[in-house]
Structures are given as structure tokens and as C-alpha cells.
Protein backbone atom coordinates (compact mmCIF):
# COMPACT_ATOMS: atom_id res chain seq x y z
CA UNK A 1 0.00 0.00 0.00
CA UNK A 2 1.31 3.46 -0.92
CA UNK A 3 2.66 5.55 1.99
CA UNK A 4 0.62 8.61 0.96
CA UNK A 5 -2.54 6.52 0.81
CA UNK A 6 -1.83 5.06 4.26
CA UNK A 7 -1.39 8.59 5.67
CA UNK A 8 -4.68 9.60 4.05
CA UNK A 9 -6.57 6.63 5.48
CA UNK A 10 -5.07 7.24 8.92
CA UNK A 11 -6.16 10.89 8.78
CA UNK A 12 -2.54 12.13 8.94
CA UNK A 13 -2.27 13.62 5.43
CA UNK A 14 -3.13 17.27 5.03
CA UNK A 15 -4.15 19.09 1.87
CA UNK A 16 -0.58 20.39 1.48
CA UNK A 17 0.60 16.85 0.65
CA UNK A 18 -1.81 16.46 -2.31
CA UNK A 19 0.07 16.19 -5.64
CA UNK A 20 -2.21 18.83 -7.15
CA UNK A 21 -0.45 21.50 -5.07
CA UNK A 22 2.79 21.00 -7.01
CA UNK A 23 6.26 19.93 -5.97
CA UNK A 24 5.02 16.64 -4.45
CA UNK A 25 5.13 14.31 -7.47
CA UNK A 26 7.30 15.03 -10.50
CA UNK A 27 5.07 13.02 -12.86
CA UNK A 28 1.99 14.95 -11.74
CA UNK A 29 3.84 18.26 -12.17
CA UNK A 30 4.90 17.25 -15.69
CA UNK A 31 1.34 16.29 -16.63
CA UNK A 32 0.05 19.61 -15.27
CA UNK A 33 2.60 21.58 -17.30
CA UNK A 34 1.64 19.69 -20.48
CA UNK A 35 -2.11 20.22 -19.96
CA UNK A 36 -2.03 23.86 -18.82
CA UNK A 37 -2.11 25.37 -22.35
CA UNK A 38 -5.21 23.31 -23.17
CA UNK A 39 -7.10 24.50 -20.08
CA UNK A 40 -7.24 28.16 -21.09
CA UNK A 41 -10.57 29.49 -22.32
CA UNK A 42 -10.64 30.44 -26.01
CA UNK A 43 -10.38 34.17 -26.76
CA UNK A 44 -13.92 34.19 -28.20
CA UNK A 45 -15.48 32.23 -25.30
CA UNK A 46 -18.75 33.50 -23.83
CA UNK A 47 -19.70 33.40 -20.16
CA UNK A 48 -23.16 32.12 -19.34
CA UNK A 49 -24.77 33.83 -16.34
CA UNK A 50 -28.00 32.55 -14.82
CA UNK A 51 -30.66 34.74 -13.25
CA UNK A 52 -31.31 33.09 -9.84
CA UNK A 53 -34.82 34.54 -9.76
CA UNK A 54 -35.75 32.47 -12.83
CA UNK A 55 -34.34 29.17 -11.60
């Protein structure tokens, strides 16, 4: 069983040890850097805003 998973199950792992925060797992950091350009909204993207009174 992975050490990080054991810490999570035991309630000892904090959010700062999550690989999504960077610097924890080199493979995760590499994947993030490769996907970052594809996560930007297109220049012509529109934002949809709902009127809560009509929901």
C-alpha cells in the first residue's frame, strides 16, 4: 500500500501533501505543465450567467 494513501486513510495527510499543489510528485507536475495550455478558455469564449430569480 502506498505511503501517501496510508497517511490519508489514517487521517494524517493534510491538503498540502496532495500532488495537485505541485512539488510533491514530478510526474503529476509534468502532466500539469503539459495540460495547462489546453485548459485556457478560447479568446472568443462567452460566459453564461444565470438569473437566480428564474431558476
